[in-house]
Amino acid sequence: MKKLLFLFFALLFISCSGDTKSINCDCGIIEDLDSELDFEPMEWTYYADIRNVCTNEIENDIQITKNIYVNYDLGDEICNIDSIRLN
């Protein structure tokens, strides 16, 4: 009985500590890309709606750079959202 109990706890410990890889909650999936033209300074502003991979909630109208707008497509995963957002 003691051996079985020891084996159970050993397996439990190994299964809980075996995978230390965690999900990056500052990543998401691009759900929508949008742009709008401001006529006063004649500049484009670029936006993305991104679904957070941890919470599965969509954060709308994240202002992004033209480089991100051009190089990413709908369904692409993007990380470091807090550092790339302009608003």
PDB file of N, CA and C in Angstrom:
ATOM      1  N   MET A   1       0.823  -1.195   0.000  1.00  0.00           N
ATOM      2  CA  MET A   1       0.000   0.000   0.000  1.00  0.00           C
ATOM      3  C   MET A   1       0.868   1.261   0.000  1.00  0.00           C
ATOM      4  N   LYS A   2       1.943   1.227   0.808  1.00  0.00           N
ATOM      5  CA  LYS A   2       2.822   2.385   0.873  1.00  0.00           C
ATOM      6  C   LYS A   2       3.510   2.627  -0.466  1.00  0.00           C
ATOM      7  N   LYS A   3       3.878   1.520  -1.140  1.00  0.00           N
ATOM      8  CA  LYS A   3       4.530   1.650  -2.437  1.00  0.00           C
ATOM      9  C   LYS A   3       3.570   2.259  -3.462  1.00  0.00           C
ATOM     10  N   LEU A   4       2.327   1.857  -3.422  1.00  0.00           N
ATOM     11  CA  LEU A   4       1.331   2.399  -4.338  1.00  0.00           C
ATOM     12  C   LEU A   4       1.106   3.880  -4.085  1.00  0.00           C
ATOM     13  N   LEU A   5       1.019   4.261  -2.830  1.00  0.00           N
ATOM     14  CA  LEU A   5       0.840   5.655  -2.467  1.00  0.00           C
ATOM     15  C   LEU A   5       2.039   6.494  -2.905  1.00  0.00           C
ATOM     16  N   PHE A   6       3.246   5.962  -2.689  1.00  0.00           N
ATOM     17  CA  PHE A   6       4.461   6.655  -3.115  1.00  0.00           C
ATOM     18  C   PHE A   6       4.484   6.814  -4.629  1.00  0.00           C
ATOM     19  N   LEU A   7       4.120   5.753  -5.347  1.00  0.00           N
ATOM     20  CA  LEU A   7       4.082   5.797  -6.804  1.00  0.00           C
ATOM     21  C   LEU A   7       3.077   6.836  -7.297  1.00  0.00           C
ATOM     22  N   PHE A   8       1.925   6.901  -6.674  1.00  0.00           N
ATOM     23  CA  PHE A   8       0.905   7.873  -7.042  1.00  0.00           C
ATOM     24  C   PHE A   8       1.424   9.306  -6.889  1.00  0.00           C
ATOM     25  N   PHE A   9       2.027   9.612  -5.762  1.00  0.00           N
ATOM     26  CA  PHE A   9       2.530  10.963  -5.537  1.00  0.00           C
ATOM     27  C   PHE A   9       3.726  11.282  -6.443  1.00  0.00           C
ATOM     28  N   ALA A  10       4.543  10.283  -6.729  1.00  0.00           N
ATOM     29  CA  ALA A  10       5.671  10.490  -7.637  1.00  0.00           C
ATOM     30  C   ALA A  10       5.169  10.820  -9.040  1.00  0.00           C
ATOM     31  N   LEU A  11       4.176  10.074  -9.511  1.00  0.00           N
ATOM     32  CA  LEU A  11       3.594  10.341 -10.826  1.00  0.00           C
ATOM     33  C   LEU A  11       2.912  11.705 -10.872  1.00  0.00           C
ATOM     34  N   LEU A  12       2.249  12.074  -9.810  1.00  0.00           N
ATOM     35  CA  LEU A  12       1.594  13.369  -9.731  1.00  0.00           C
ATOM     36  C   LEU A  12       2.619  14.495  -9.805  1.00  0.00           C
ATOM     37  N   PHE A  13       3.711  14.350  -9.070  1.00  0.00           N
ATOM     38  CA  PHE A  13       4.769  15.363  -9.065  1.00  0.00           C
ATOM     39  C   PHE A  13       5.405  15.481 -10.441  1.00  0.00           C
ATOM     40  N   ILE A  14       5.691  14.355 -11.080  1.00  0.00           N
ATOM     41  CA  ILE A  14       6.313  14.368 -12.407  1.00  0.00           C
ATOM     42  C   ILE A  14       5.381  14.996 -13.436  1.00  0.00           C
ATOM     43  N   SER A  15       4.094  14.696 -13.383  1.00  0.00           N
ATOM     44  CA  SER A  15       3.157  15.236 -14.364  1.00  0.00           C
ATOM     45  C   SER A  15       2.947  16.735 -14.188  1.00  0.00           C
ATOM     46  N   CYS A  16       3.048  17.216 -12.961  1.00  0.00           N
ATOM     47  CA  CYS A  16       2.856  18.652 -12.729  1.00  0.00           C
ATOM     48  C   CYS A  16       4.103  19.465 -13.046  1.00  0.00           C
ATOM     49  N   SER A  17       5.268  18.870 -12.904  1.00  0.00           N
ATOM     50  CA  SER A  17       6.494  19.636 -13.123  1.00  0.00           C
ATOM     51  C   SER A  17       7.174  19.291 -14.439  1.00  0.00           C
ATOM     52  N   GLY A  18       6.619  18.398 -15.211  1.00  0.00           N
ATOM     53  CA  GLY A  18       7.258  17.951 -16.438  1.00  0.00           C
ATOM     54  C   GLY A  18       7.318  18.998 -17.523  1.00  0.00           C
ATOM     55  N   ASP A  19       6.283  19.788 -17.694  1.00  0.00           N
ATOM     56  CA  ASP A  19       6.252  20.779 -18.769  1.00  0.00           C
ATOM     57  C   ASP A  19       6.251  22.164 -18.162  1.00  0.00           C
ATOM     58  N   THR A  20       7.369  22.855 -18.277  1.00  0.00           N
ATOM     59  CA  THR A  20       7.457  24.200 -17.719  1.00  0.00           C
ATOM     60  C   THR A  20       7.148  25.265 -18.757  1.00  0.00           C
ATOM     61  N   LYS A  21       6.873  24.848 -19.987  1.00  0.00           N
ATOM     62  CA  LYS A  21       6.538  25.793 -21.050  1.00  0.00           C
ATOM     63  C   LYS A  21       5.157  26.382 -20.763  1.00  0.00           C
ATOM     64  N   SER A  22       5.078  27.703 -20.726  1.00  0.00           N
ATOM     65  CA  SER A  22       3.794  28.333 -20.447  1.00  0.00           C
ATOM     66  C   SER A  22       3.349  29.182 -21.637  1.00  0.00           C
ATOM     67  N   ILE A  23       2.095  29.497 -21.666  1.00  0.00           N
ATOM     68  CA  ILE A  23       1.531  30.309 -22.741  1.00  0.00           C
ATOM     69  C   ILE A  23       1.878  31.765 -22.494  1.00  0.00           C
ATOM     70  N   ASN A  24       2.289  32.452 -23.544  1.00  0.00           N
ATOM     71  CA  ASN A  24       2.586  33.878 -23.460  1.00  0.00           C
ATOM     72  C   ASN A  24       1.269  34.637 -23.597  1.00  0.00           C
ATOM     73  N   CYS A  25       0.834  35.282 -22.522  1.00  0.00           N
ATOM     74  CA  CYS A  25      -0.455  35.981 -22.545  1.00  0.00           C
ATOM     75  C   CYS A  25      -0.373  37.345 -23.219  1.00  0.00           C
ATOM     76  N   ASP A  26       0.778  37.711 -23.725  1.00  0.00           N
ATOM     77  CA  ASP A  26       0.917  38.953 -24.485  1.00  0.00           C
ATOM     78  C   ASP A  26       0.930  38.643 -25.977  1.00  0.00           C
ATOM     79  N   CYS A  27       0.297  37.528 -26.339  1.00  0.00           N
ATOM     80  CA  CYS A  27       0.171  37.115 -27.740  1.00  0.00           C
ATOM     81  C   CYS A  27      -1.302  36.991 -28.083  1.00  0.00           C
ATOM     82  N   GLY A  28      -1.582  37.071 -29.370  1.00  0.00           N
ATOM     83  CA  GLY A  28      -2.955  36.926 -29.806  1.00  0.00           C
ATOM     84  C   GLY A  28      -3.043  36.621 -31.288  1.00  0.00           C
ATOM     85  N   ILE A  29      -4.251  36.373 -31.722  1.00  0.00           N
ATOM     86  CA  ILE A  29      -4.546  36.085 -33.121  1.00  0.00           C
ATOM     87  C   ILE A  29      -5.224  37.318 -33.721  1.00  0.00           C
ATOM     88  N   ILE A  30      -4.744  37.762 -34.881  1.00  0.00           N
ATOM     89  CA  ILE A  30      -5.327  38.928 -35.539  1.00  0.00           C
ATOM     90  C   ILE A  30      -6.685  38.545 -36.114  1.00  0.00           C
ATOM     91  N   GLU A  31      -7.724  39.202 -35.633  1.00  0.00           N
ATOM     92  CA  GLU A  31      -9.093  38.938 -36.079  1.00  0.00           C
ATOM     93  C   GLU A  31      -9.545  39.911 -37.171  1.00  0.00           C
ATOM     94  N   ASP A  32      -9.028  41.137 -37.142  1.00  0.00           N
ATOM     95  CA  ASP A  32      -9.429  42.143 -38.128  1.00  0.00           C
ATOM     96  C   ASP A  32      -8.332  43.195 -38.256  1.00  0.00           C
ATOM     97  N   LEU A  33      -8.140  43.695 -39.464  1.00  0.00           N
ATOM     98  CA  LEU A  33      -7.220  44.793 -39.736  1.00  0.00           C
ATOM     99  C   LEU A  33      -8.017  45.906 -40.394  1.00  0.00           C
ATOM    100  N   ASP A  34      -7.739  47.147 -40.001  1.00  0.00           N
ATOM    101  CA  ASP A  34      -8.488  48.278 -40.528  1.00  0.00           C
ATOM    102  C   ASP A  34      -7.561  49.480 -40.633  1.00  0.00           C
ATOM    103  N   SER A  35      -7.913  50.398 -41.518  1.00  0.00           N
ATOM    104  CA  SER A  35      -7.152  51.636 -41.642  1.00  0.00           C
ATOM    105  C   SER A  35      -8.123  52.780 -41.888  1.00  0.00           C
ATOM    106  N   GLU A  36      -7.710  53.963 -41.489  1.00  0.00           N
ATOM    107  CA  GLU A  36      -8.532  55.136 -41.772  1.00  0.00           C
ATOM    108  C   GLU A  36      -7.625  56.312 -42.084  1.00  0.00           C
ATOM    109  N   LEU A  37      -8.115  57.178 -42.959  1.00  0.00           N
ATOM    110  CA  LEU A  37      -7.353  58.337 -43.401  1.00  0.00           C
ATOM    111  C   LEU A  37      -7.831  59.571 -42.658  1.00  0.00           C
ATOM    112  N   ASP A  38      -6.892  60.254 -42.015  1.00  0.00           N
ATOM    113  CA  ASP A  38      -7.181  61.527 -41.364  1.00  0.00           C
ATOM    114  C   ASP A  38      -6.833  62.615 -42.379  1.00  0.00           C
ATOM    115  N   PHE A  39      -7.845  63.347 -42.838  1.00  0.00           N
ATOM    116  CA  PHE A  39      -7.642  64.301 -43.927  1.00  0.00           C
ATOM    117  C   PHE A  39      -6.874  65.551 -43.516  1.00  0.00           C
ATOM    118  N   GLU A  40      -6.923  65.935 -42.248  1.00  0.00           N
ATOM    119  CA  GLU A  40      -6.233  67.154 -41.821  1.00  0.00           C
ATOM    120  C   GLU A  40      -4.719  67.054 -42.006  1.00  0.00           C
ATOM    121  N   PRO A  41      -4.055  66.072 -41.403  1.00  0.00           N
ATOM    122  CA  PRO A  41      -2.620  65.966 -41.701  1.00  0.00           C
ATOM    123  C   PRO A  41      -2.339  65.003 -42.865  1.00  0.00           C
ATOM    124  N   MET A  42      -3.395  64.441 -43.479  1.00  0.00           N
ATOM    125  CA  MET A  42      -3.278  63.459 -44.569  1.00  0.00           C
ATOM    126  C   MET A  42      -2.393  62.273 -44.159  1.00  0.00           C
ATOM    127  N   GLU A  43      -2.763  61.653 -43.052  1.00  0.00           N
ATOM    128  CA  GLU A  43      -2.036  60.491 -42.555  1.00  0.00           C
ATOM    129  C   GLU A  43      -2.987  59.316 -42.367  1.00  0.00           C
ATOM    130  N   TRP A  44      -2.469  58.143 -42.633  1.00  0.00           N
ATOM    131  CA  TRP A  44      -3.215  56.918 -42.385  1.00  0.00           C
ATOM    132  C   TRP A  44      -2.963  56.457 -40.960  1.00  0.00           C
ATOM    133  N   THR A  45      -4.001  55.903 -40.340  1.00  0.00           N
ATOM    134  CA  THR A  45      -3.890  55.278 -39.030  1.00  0.00           C
ATOM    135  C   THR A  45      -4.338  53.831 -39.189  1.00  0.00           C
ATOM    136  N   TYR A  46      -3.580  52.913 -38.584  1.00  0.00           N
ATOM    137  CA  TYR A  46      -3.832  51.485 -38.764  1.00  0.00           C
ATOM    138  C   TYR A  46      -4.259  50.852 -37.441  1.00  0.00           C
ATOM    139  N   TYR A  47      -5.244  49.955 -37.533  1.00  0.00           N
ATOM    140  CA  TYR A  47      -5.803  49.310 -36.347  1.00  0.00           C
ATOM    141  C   TYR A  47      -5.892  47.804 -36.547  1.00  0.00           C
ATOM    142  N   ALA A  48      -5.879  47.087 -35.435  1.00  0.00           N
ATOM    143  CA  ALA A  48      -6.077  45.637 -35.461  1.00  0.00           C
ATOM    144  C   ALA A  48      -6.973  45.241 -34.295  1.00  0.00           C
ATOM    145  N   ASP A  49      -7.796  44.235 -34.523  1.00  0.00           N
ATOM    146  CA  ASP A  49      -8.547  43.571 -33.458  1.00  0.00           C
ATOM    147  C   ASP A  49      -7.826  42.257 -33.202  1.00  0.00           C
ATOM    148  N   ILE A  50      -7.418  42.043 -31.946  1.00  0.00           N
ATOM    149  CA  ILE A  50      -6.598  40.882 -31.624  1.00  0.00           C
ATOM    150  C   ILE A  50      -7.253  40.070 -30.505  1.00  0.00           C
ATOM    151  N   ARG A  51      -7.394  38.745 -30.763  1.00  0.00           N
ATOM    152  CA  ARG A  51      -7.955  37.817 -29.762  1.00  0.00           C
ATOM    153  C   ARG A  51      -6.806  37.308 -28.891  1.00  0.00           C
ATOM    154  N   ASN A  52      -6.893  37.588 -27.590  1.00  0.00           N
ATOM    155  CA  ASN A  52      -5.870  37.162 -26.642  1.00  0.00           C
ATOM    156  C   ASN A  52      -5.869  35.646 -26.526  1.00  0.00           C
ATOM    157  N   VAL A  53      -4.681  35.023 -26.569  1.00  0.00           N
ATOM    158  CA  VAL A  53      -4.599  33.562 -26.526  1.00  0.00           C
ATOM    159  C   VAL A  53      -4.907  32.987 -25.148  1.00  0.00           C
ATOM    160  N   CYS A  54      -4.793  33.800 -24.101  1.00  0.00           N
ATOM    161  CA  CYS A  54      -5.071  33.299 -22.742  1.00  0.00           C
ATOM    162  C   CYS A  54      -6.540  33.458 -22.366  1.00  0.00           C
ATOM    163  N   THR A  55      -7.091  34.629 -22.624  1.00  0.00           N
ATOM    164  CA  THR A  55      -8.452  34.916 -22.187  1.00  0.00           C
ATOM    165  C   THR A  55      -9.495  34.660 -23.268  1.00  0.00           C
ATOM    166  N   ASN A  56      -9.061  34.544 -24.522  1.00  0.00           N
ATOM    167  CA  ASN A  56      -9.941  34.359 -25.675  1.00  0.00           C
ATOM    168  C   ASN A  56     -10.846  35.574 -25.927  1.00  0.00           C
ATOM    169  N   GLU A  57     -10.523  36.708 -25.296  1.00  0.00           N
ATOM    170  CA  GLU A  57     -11.284  37.932 -25.522  1.00  0.00           C
ATOM    171  C   GLU A  57     -10.631  38.750 -26.629  1.00  0.00           C
ATOM    172  N   ILE A  58     -11.460  39.446 -27.395  1.00  0.00           N
ATOM    173  CA  ILE A  58     -10.949  40.281 -28.481  1.00  0.00           C
ATOM    174  C   ILE A  58     -10.779  41.707 -27.975  1.00  0.00           C
ATOM    175  N   GLU A  59      -9.575  42.228 -28.162  1.00  0.00           N
ATOM    176  CA  GLU A  59      -9.323  43.632 -27.854  1.00  0.00           C
ATOM    177  C   GLU A  59      -9.414  44.387 -29.168  1.00  0.00           C
ATOM    178  N   ASN A  60     -10.333  45.343 -29.220  1.00  0.00           N
ATOM    179  CA  ASN A  60     -10.625  46.063 -30.457  1.00  0.00           C
ATOM    180  C   ASN A  60      -9.800  47.332 -30.602  1.00  0.00           C
ATOM    181  N   ASP A  61      -9.560  47.694 -31.853  1.00  0.00           N
ATOM    182  CA  ASP A  61      -8.946  48.966 -32.235  1.00  0.00           C
ATOM    183  C   ASP A  61      -7.609  49.230 -31.562  1.00  0.00           C
ATOM    184  N   ILE A  62      -6.726  48.260 -31.629  1.00  0.00           N
ATOM    185  CA  ILE A  62      -5.357  48.463 -31.176  1.00  0.00           C
ATOM    186  C   ILE A  62      -4.625  49.170 -32.304  1.00  0.00           C
ATOM    187  N   GLN A  63      -4.126  50.352 -32.031  1.00  0.00           N
ATOM    188  CA  GLN A  63      -3.432  51.116 -33.058  1.00  0.00           C
ATOM    189  C   GLN A  63      -2.045  50.506 -33.285  1.00  0.00           C
ATOM    190  N   ILE A  64      -1.732  50.238 -34.560  1.00  0.00           N
ATOM    191  CA  ILE A  64      -0.475  49.581 -34.913  1.00  0.00           C
ATOM    192  C   ILE A  64       0.250  50.387 -35.995  1.00  0.00           C
ATOM    193  N   THR A  65       1.489  50.011 -36.280  1.00  0.00           N
ATOM    194  CA  THR A  65       2.266  50.680 -37.319  1.00  0.00           C
ATOM    195  C   THR A  65       1.890  50.136 -38.700  1.00  0.00           C
ATOM    196  N   LYS A  66       2.267  50.890 -39.721  1.00  0.00           N
ATOM    197  CA  LYS A  66       2.020  50.453 -41.096  1.00  0.00           C
ATOM    198  C   LYS A  66       2.771  49.156 -41.386  1.00  0.00           C
ATOM    199  N   ASN A  67       3.960  49.021 -40.835  1.00  0.00           N
ATOM    200  CA  ASN A  67       4.764  47.820 -41.045  1.00  0.00           C
ATOM    201  C   ASN A  67       4.026  46.564 -40.576  1.00  0.00           C
ATOM    202  N   ILE A  68       3.414  46.628 -39.412  1.00  0.00           N
ATOM    203  CA  ILE A  68       2.635  45.488 -38.909  1.00  0.00           C
ATOM    204  C   ILE A  68       1.405  45.272 -39.773  1.00  0.00           C
ATOM    205  N   TYR A  69       0.736  46.353 -40.144  1.00  0.00           N
ATOM    206  CA  TYR A  69      -0.474  46.274 -40.968  1.00  0.00           C
ATOM    207  C   TYR A  69      -0.190  45.567 -42.301  1.00  0.00           C
ATOM    208  N   VAL A  70       0.957  45.860 -42.894  1.00  0.00           N
ATOM    209  CA  VAL A  70       1.303  45.307 -44.201  1.00  0.00           C
ATOM    210  C   VAL A  70       1.820  43.870 -44.106  1.00  0.00           C
ATOM    211  N   ASN A  71       2.540  43.550 -43.031  1.00  0.00           N
ATOM    212  CA  ASN A  71       3.222  42.262 -42.950  1.00  0.00           C
ATOM    213  C   ASN A  71       2.440  41.148 -42.264  1.00  0.00           C
ATOM    214  N   TYR A  72       1.304  41.443 -41.673  1.00  0.00           N
ATOM    215  CA  TYR A  72       0.495  40.416 -41.005  1.00  0.00           C
ATOM    216  C   TYR A  72      -0.852  40.268 -41.702  1.00  0.00           C
ATOM    217  N   ASP A  73      -1.385  39.062 -41.642  1.00  0.00           N
ATOM    218  CA  ASP A  73      -2.682  38.760 -42.236  1.00  0.00           C
ATOM    219  C   ASP A  73      -3.653  38.306 -41.153  1.00  0.00           C
ATOM    220  N   LEU A  74      -4.937  38.258 -41.512  1.00  0.00           N
ATOM    221  CA  LEU A  74      -5.941  37.740 -40.583  1.00  0.00           C
ATOM    222  C   LEU A  74      -5.598  36.302 -40.230  1.00  0.00           C
ATOM    223  N   GLY A  75      -5.700  35.973 -38.950  1.00  0.00           N
ATOM    224  CA  GLY A  75      -5.396  34.624 -38.483  1.00  0.00           C
ATOM    225  C   GLY A  75      -3.964  34.432 -38.036  1.00  0.00           C
ATOM    226  N   ASP A  76      -3.092  35.407 -38.315  1.00  0.00           N
ATOM    227  CA  ASP A  76      -1.696  35.310 -37.873  1.00  0.00           C
ATOM    228  C   ASP A  76      -1.597  35.548 -36.376  1.00  0.00           C
ATOM    229  N   GLU A  77      -0.629  34.879 -35.756  1.00  0.00           N
ATOM    230  CA  GLU A  77      -0.361  35.123 -34.337  1.00  0.00           C
ATOM    231  C   GLU A  77       0.656  36.249 -34.230  1.00  0.00           C
ATOM    232  N   ILE A  78       0.418  37.135 -33.287  1.00  0.00           N
ATOM    233  CA  ILE A  78       1.308  38.251 -33.046  1.00  0.00           C
ATOM    234  C   ILE A  78       1.577  38.336 -31.550  1.00  0.00           C
ATOM    235  N   CYS A  79       2.832  38.598 -31.190  1.00  0.00           N
ATOM    236  CA  CYS A  79       3.216  38.669 -29.781  1.00  0.00           C
ATOM    237  C   CYS A  79       3.773  40.039 -29.442  1.00  0.00           C
ATOM    238  N   ASN A  80       3.992  40.251 -28.153  1.00  0.00           N
ATOM    239  CA  ASN A  80       4.476  41.535 -27.633  1.00  0.00           C
ATOM    240  C   ASN A  80       3.500  42.670 -27.953  1.00  0.00           C
ATOM    241  N   ILE A  81       2.231  42.392 -27.767  1.00  0.00           N
ATOM    242  CA  ILE A  81       1.175  43.356 -28.093  1.00  0.00           C
ATOM    243  C   ILE A  81       1.348  44.646 -27.306  1.00  0.00           C
ATOM    244  N   ASP A  82       1.693  44.525 -26.034  1.00  0.00           N
ATOM    245  CA  ASP A  82       1.852  45.744 -25.209  1.00  0.00           C
ATOM    246  C   ASP A  82       2.958  46.648 -25.717  1.00  0.00           C
ATOM    247  N   SER A  83       4.000  46.082 -26.313  1.00  0.00           N
ATOM    248  CA  SER A  83       5.105  46.910 -26.781  1.00  0.00           C
ATOM    249  C   SER A  83       4.899  47.449 -28.196  1.00  0.00           C
ATOM    250  N   ILE A  84       4.052  46.820 -29.012  1.00  0.00           N
ATOM    251  CA  ILE A  84       3.859  47.300 -30.378  1.00  0.00           C
ATOM    252  C   ILE A  84       2.676  48.236 -30.534  1.00  0.00           C
ATOM    253  N   ARG A  85       1.796  48.242 -29.556  1.00  0.00           N
ATOM    254  CA  ARG A  85       0.595  49.082 -29.683  1.00  0.00           C
ATOM    255  C   ARG A  85       0.965  50.552 -29.541  1.00  0.00           C
ATOM    256  N   LEU A  86       0.293  51.386 -30.303  1.00  0.00           N
ATOM    257  CA  LEU A  86       0.552  52.825 -30.276  1.00  0.00           C
ATOM    258  C   LEU A  86      -0.449  53.585 -29.424  1.00  0.00           C
ATOM    259  N   ASN A  87      -1.551  52.960 -29.038  1.00  0.00           N
ATOM    260  CA  ASN A  87      -2.544  53.640 -28.194  1.00  0.00           C
ATOM    261  C   ASN A  87      -2.722  52.938 -26.873  1.00  0.00           C
TER     262      ASN A  87
END
